[in-house]
Amino acid sequence: MSGPGKPGGQPVIIIKKKKGHGHGHHGGAWKLAYADLVTAMMAFFMVMWVIGMDVETGKGISKYFNNPGAHLLTPTNSRHVMQLDGKPPPMPDEVDENDLTMEHIELRWARILQASVDDELKRNPLFREHQMNVRATVTDKGFQIELVEDSRGVFFAPGSSSLTLHGRAMVRAMTGQLLTARRPVRITGHVDASPVQALAPAKIDLAFARARAIHQAMLDAAYPPELCRQVTSRGDLNASNDDSQRVDNNRVVVLMPFAAE
């Protein structure tokens, strides 16, 4: 008796085919190769970029990679980090050039001019015995020079509005310093409150005449007339110390005001 099969006794052959996945499983090796290629290209372009940069930039990058932790953005090394209240941290004493306000700029030129005048007082033989007669200060109104009298009559003889030769020479030297700034000035005369002598001019008139004399001496020393904006007198109303009769209340103040004044 024959087994199962086709009629005629021929055996039935059954062929089973496995269902494959196209080209088989490669384990993602092509992805690794592609990643290596991209990395190599990035490295190549970075090398070309570094080669093309200037020396200072290269030093900066080298410094970063030598100590990257020092360049982390923290409140101690970043001036733009916000505090918890949403306000920027206080500005340091050194003000960035881009952050300078008009107040900073005005104060800067005034201090530079003060230093220049102080240097002139020490350097110029004209002032060797008269450094106390010229006071350069920066006030809340601007930069000012006070030409202060003493018992010797450095700038003016007692009761007079005529400049002495030495006083005129000192005014000329101070005008040279003021010309470096070339800003408007206001000139104010002051006198002490000592009793008026017979036939002497009134206090307010004497103070004004002395202010005018300083004004004219500055013009003679080439200070631009359009920058001499005001010549006034305060008489004996504005003493510079507690004793209004002291001789050093006789003074002429040349004020170079800040822009806002």
Protein backbone atom coordinates (compact mmCIF):
# COMPACT_ATOMS: atom_id res chain seq x y z
CA MET A 1 0.00 0.00 0.00
CA SER A 2 1.47 3.28 -0.99
CA GLY A 3 1.68 6.29 1.29
CA PRO A 4 -0.10 9.56 0.79
CA GLY A 5 0.76 11.51 -2.26
CA LYS A 6 -0.33 12.31 -5.70
CA PRO A 7 -2.13 9.70 -7.79
CA GLY A 8 0.39 7.35 -9.32
CA GLY A 9 2.36 6.90 -6.15
CA GLN A 10 4.72 9.93 -6.48
CA PRO A 11 5.54 11.60 -3.15
CA VAL A 12 4.43 15.17 -2.54
CA ILE A 13 7.38 17.55 -1.98
CA ILE A 14 6.56 20.64 0.11
CA ILE A 15 9.02 23.57 -0.10
CA LYS A 16 8.85 26.18 2.70
CA LYS A 17 10.40 29.63 2.06
CA LYS A 18 11.56 31.94 4.83
CA LYS A 19 10.35 35.51 4.60
CA GLY A 20 13.43 37.67 4.73
CA HIS A 21 14.06 41.43 5.17
CA GLY A 22 15.39 42.44 1.83
CA HIS A 23 19.16 42.64 2.25
CA GLY A 24 19.26 41.19 5.69
CA HIS A 25 20.18 42.81 9.04
CA HIS A 26 23.35 44.99 9.06
CA GLY A 27 23.20 46.11 12.71
CA GLY A 28 23.20 49.91 11.91
CA ALA A 29 26.84 49.94 10.83
CA TRP A 30 26.10 52.48 8.09
CA LYS A 31 24.86 54.95 10.71
CA LEU A 32 28.14 54.76 12.60
CA ALA A 33 30.07 55.32 9.41
CA TYR A 34 27.97 58.36 8.56
CA ALA A 35 28.43 59.80 12.04
CA ASP A 36 32.19 59.39 11.73
CA LEU A 37 32.12 61.22 8.40
CA VAL A 38 30.13 64.15 9.82
CA THR A 39 32.42 64.38 12.87
CA ALA A 40 35.48 64.42 10.65
CA MET A 41 33.98 67.18 8.50
CA MET A 42 33.15 69.27 11.58
CA ALA A 43 36.67 68.81 12.92
CA PHE A 44 38.10 69.85 9.56
CA PHE A 45 36.06 73.05 9.42
CA MET A 46 36.92 73.90 13.05
CA VAL A 47 40.61 73.52 12.30
CA MET A 48 40.27 75.78 9.26
CA TRP A 49 38.36 78.34 11.38
CA VAL A 50 41.03 78.36 14.09
CA ILE A 51 43.81 78.73 11.53
CA GLY A 52 42.07 81.75 9.99
CA MET A 53 41.44 83.71 13.22
CA ASP A 54 43.69 86.46 14.63
CA VAL A 55 46.23 85.88 17.39
CA GLU A 56 44.26 87.52 20.21
CA THR A 57 41.12 85.48 19.52
CA GLY A 58 43.20 82.34 19.37
CA LYS A 59 44.71 83.12 22.77
CA GLY A 60 41.23 83.62 24.20
CA ILE A 61 40.03 80.25 22.95
CA SER A 62 43.19 78.58 24.25
CA LYS A 63 42.64 80.17 27.65
CA TYR A 64 39.08 78.89 27.75
CA PHE A 65 40.00 75.28 27.02
CA ASN A 66 42.87 75.37 29.52
CA ASN A 67 40.44 76.33 32.31
CA PRO A 68 36.84 76.15 31.11
CA GLY A 69 35.40 76.32 34.63
CA ALA A 70 36.64 79.87 35.05
CA HIS A 71 34.40 81.07 32.22
CA LEU A 72 31.09 79.87 33.57
CA LEU A 73 28.42 82.57 33.56
CA THR A 74 28.03 83.43 37.24
CA PRO A 75 27.01 86.63 39.08
CA THR A 76 30.66 87.27 39.96
CA ASN A 77 31.96 87.45 36.40
CA SER A 78 28.97 88.59 34.38
CA ARG A 79 27.66 92.15 34.58
CA HIS A 80 24.39 91.19 32.87
CA VAL A 81 23.14 88.54 35.32
CA MET A 82 19.78 89.55 36.78
CA GLN A 83 19.15 89.51 40.51
CA LEU A 84 16.09 87.86 42.02
CA ASP A 85 14.21 91.16 42.14
CA GLY A 86 14.63 91.53 38.38
CA LYS A 87 17.10 94.42 38.64
CA PRO A 88 20.65 94.36 37.27
CA PRO A 89 23.48 94.25 39.81
CA PRO A 90 25.11 97.53 40.84
CA MET A 91 27.62 98.97 38.40
CA PRO A 92 31.28 98.75 39.41
CA ASP A 93 33.41 101.84 39.96
CA GLU A 94 34.93 101.45 36.52
CA VAL A 95 32.23 102.61 34.12
CA ASP A 96 32.17 101.11 30.65
CA GLU A 97 32.65 103.71 27.90
CA ASN A 98 29.29 102.73 26.37
CA ASP A 99 27.51 103.24 29.70
CA LEU A 100 28.83 106.74 30.45
CA THR A 101 26.09 109.21 31.38
CA MET A 102 26.30 112.95 30.85
CA GLU A 103 27.02 113.31 34.57
CA HIS A 104 30.02 110.96 34.30
CA ILE A 105 31.35 112.83 31.28
CA GLU A 106 30.98 116.25 32.92
CA LEU A 107 32.63 115.08 36.13
CA ARG A 108 35.46 113.47 34.20
CA TRP A 109 36.53 116.62 32.33
CA ALA A 110 36.25 118.68 35.52
CA ARG A 111 38.57 116.36 37.42
CA ILE A 112 41.03 116.22 34.54
CA LEU A 113 41.09 120.03 34.43
CA GLN A 114 41.54 120.22 38.21
CA ALA A 115 44.53 117.87 38.03
CA SER A 116 46.01 119.95 35.21
CA VAL A 117 45.66 123.20 37.16
CA ASP A 118 47.11 121.63 40.31
CA ASP A 119 50.09 120.47 38.27
CA GLU A 120 50.54 123.99 36.87
CA LEU A 121 50.52 125.43 40.39
CA LYS A 122 53.34 123.09 41.42
CA ARG A 123 55.36 123.39 38.23
CA ASN A 124 55.15 127.08 37.31
CA PRO A 125 57.55 129.39 39.24
CA LEU A 126 54.86 132.11 39.11
CA PHE A 127 52.93 130.26 41.80
CA ARG A 128 55.86 129.16 43.96
CA GLU A 129 54.87 131.55 46.76
CA HIS A 130 51.21 131.86 45.83
CA GLN A 131 49.78 128.34 45.68
CA MET A 132 47.34 129.24 48.47
CA ASN A 133 46.08 132.17 46.40
CA VAL A 134 44.74 129.95 43.62
CA ARG A 135 42.23 127.26 44.59
CA ALA A 136 41.03 124.79 41.98
CA THR A 137 38.02 122.71 43.04
CA VAL A 138 35.18 120.64 41.59
CA THR A 139 31.82 121.57 43.11
CA ASP A 140 28.25 120.49 42.45
CA LYS A 141 28.00 123.38 39.98
CA GLY A 142 31.16 122.70 37.99
CA PHE A 143 34.88 123.39 38.00
CA GLN A 144 35.98 126.63 39.59
CA ILE A 145 39.14 128.61 40.23
CA GLU A 146 39.21 131.04 43.13
CA LEU A 147 41.75 133.86 42.92
CA VAL A 148 42.14 134.69 46.60
CA GLU A 149 43.73 137.81 48.08
CA ASP A 150 45.97 138.00 51.11
CA SER A 151 47.51 140.84 53.10
CA ARG A 152 50.23 141.26 50.45
CA GLY A 153 47.74 142.29 47.76
CA VAL A 154 48.67 139.54 45.31
CA PHE A 155 46.06 140.37 42.67
CA PHE A 156 44.80 143.80 43.73
CA ALA A 157 46.08 146.48 46.05
CA PRO A 158 43.72 147.12 48.99
CA GLY A 159 40.67 149.05 47.80
CA SER A 160 41.81 148.89 44.16
CA SER A 161 40.48 147.10 41.08
CA SER A 162 43.71 147.38 39.09
CA LEU A 163 45.50 144.06 38.61
CA THR A 164 49.10 143.84 39.78
CA LEU A 165 51.69 142.72 37.23
CA HIS A 166 52.21 139.44 39.07
CA GLY A 167 48.46 138.94 39.38
CA ARG A 168 48.01 139.51 35.65
CA ALA A 169 50.72 136.95 34.87
CA MET A 170 49.01 134.37 37.09
CA VAL A 171 45.63 135.01 35.44
CA ARG A 172 47.28 134.52 32.04
CA ALA A 173 48.71 131.16 33.16
CA MET A 174 45.34 130.02 34.53
CA THR A 175 43.60 131.10 31.33
CA GLY A 176 45.95 128.85 29.39
CA GLN A 177 44.70 125.92 31.45
CA LEU A 178 41.04 126.87 30.97
CA LEU A 179 41.58 127.08 27.22
CA THR A 180 42.19 123.32 27.15
CA ALA A 181 38.51 122.86 27.99
CA ARG A 182 37.15 125.88 26.04
CA ARG A 183 33.86 126.02 27.89
CA PRO A 184 31.68 128.93 29.03
CA VAL A 185 32.69 130.67 32.26
CA ARG A 186 30.98 132.86 34.83
CA ILE A 187 33.06 135.37 36.78
CA THR A 188 31.94 136.63 40.19
CA GLY A 189 33.62 139.19 42.44
CA HIS A 190 33.58 139.05 46.25
CA VAL A 191 35.01 141.33 48.95
CA ASP A 192 35.30 141.19 52.73
CA ALA A 193 32.93 142.93 55.12
CA SER A 194 35.47 145.20 56.79
CA PRO A 195 34.31 148.80 57.39
CA VAL A 196 34.36 150.95 54.26
CA GLN A 197 37.01 153.65 54.30
CA ALA A 198 36.10 157.21 53.42
CA LEU A 199 35.94 157.82 49.66
CA ALA A 200 36.34 154.08 49.02
CA PRO A 201 34.00 152.53 46.44
CA ALA A 202 30.97 150.62 47.65
CA LYS A 203 31.58 146.93 48.35
CA ILE A 204 29.41 145.69 45.53
CA ASP A 205 31.01 148.11 43.05
CA LEU A 206 34.55 147.14 44.07
CA ALA A 207 33.75 143.44 43.73
CA PHE A 208 32.24 144.02 40.28
CA ALA A 209 35.21 146.11 39.11
CA ARG A 210 37.61 143.33 40.16
CA ALA A 211 35.54 140.72 38.35
CA ARG A 212 35.64 142.93 35.25
CA ALA A 213 39.43 143.23 35.56
CA ILE A 214 39.82 139.43 35.67
CA HIS A 215 37.45 139.14 32.72
CA GLN A 216 39.53 141.59 30.68
CA ALA A 217 42.77 139.82 31.62
CA MET A 218 41.31 136.53 30.38
CA LEU A 219 40.28 138.14 27.10
CA ASP A 220 43.80 139.55 26.75
CA ALA A 221 45.08 135.99 27.23
CA ALA A 222 42.97 134.86 24.22
CA TYR A 223 39.96 133.41 26.03
CA PRO A 224 37.06 133.58 23.51
CA PRO A 225 34.70 136.49 24.32
CA GLU A 226 31.63 134.39 23.48
CA LEU A 227 32.59 131.95 26.25
CA CYS A 228 32.66 134.64 28.94
CA ARG A 229 28.94 134.43 29.62
CA GLN A 230 28.54 136.38 32.86
CA VAL A 231 30.37 138.90 35.06
CA THR A 232 28.66 139.62 38.38
CA SER A 233 29.27 140.90 41.91
CA ARG A 234 28.19 139.55 45.27
CA GLY A 235 29.82 142.32 47.27
CA ASP A 236 30.38 141.16 50.85
CA LEU A 237 27.27 138.95 50.95
CA ASN A 238 28.92 135.57 50.43
CA ALA A 239 31.85 135.09 52.80
CA SER A 240 33.98 131.99 52.28
CA ASN A 241 34.54 131.48 56.02
CA ASP A 242 33.04 132.28 59.42
CA ASP A 243 34.79 135.64 59.71
CA SER A 244 33.38 137.89 57.00
CA GLN A 245 36.08 140.50 57.61
CA ARG A 246 39.00 138.19 56.87
CA VAL A 247 41.14 139.32 53.96
CA ASP A 248 40.75 136.03 52.05
CA ASN A 249 37.09 136.88 51.48
CA ASN A 250 38.45 139.23 48.81
CA ARG A 251 38.39 136.89 45.86
CA VAL A 252 37.23 136.46 42.29
CA VAL A 253 35.65 133.13 41.35
CA VAL A 254 35.86 131.84 37.77
CA LEU A 255 33.26 129.08 37.42
CA MET A 256 33.16 126.71 34.47
CA PRO A 257 29.68 125.23 35.01
CA PHE A 258 28.49 121.75 34.14
CA ALA A 259 26.30 121.52 31.06
CA ALA A 260 23.11 121.17 33.13
CA GLU A 261 23.79 124.34 35.13
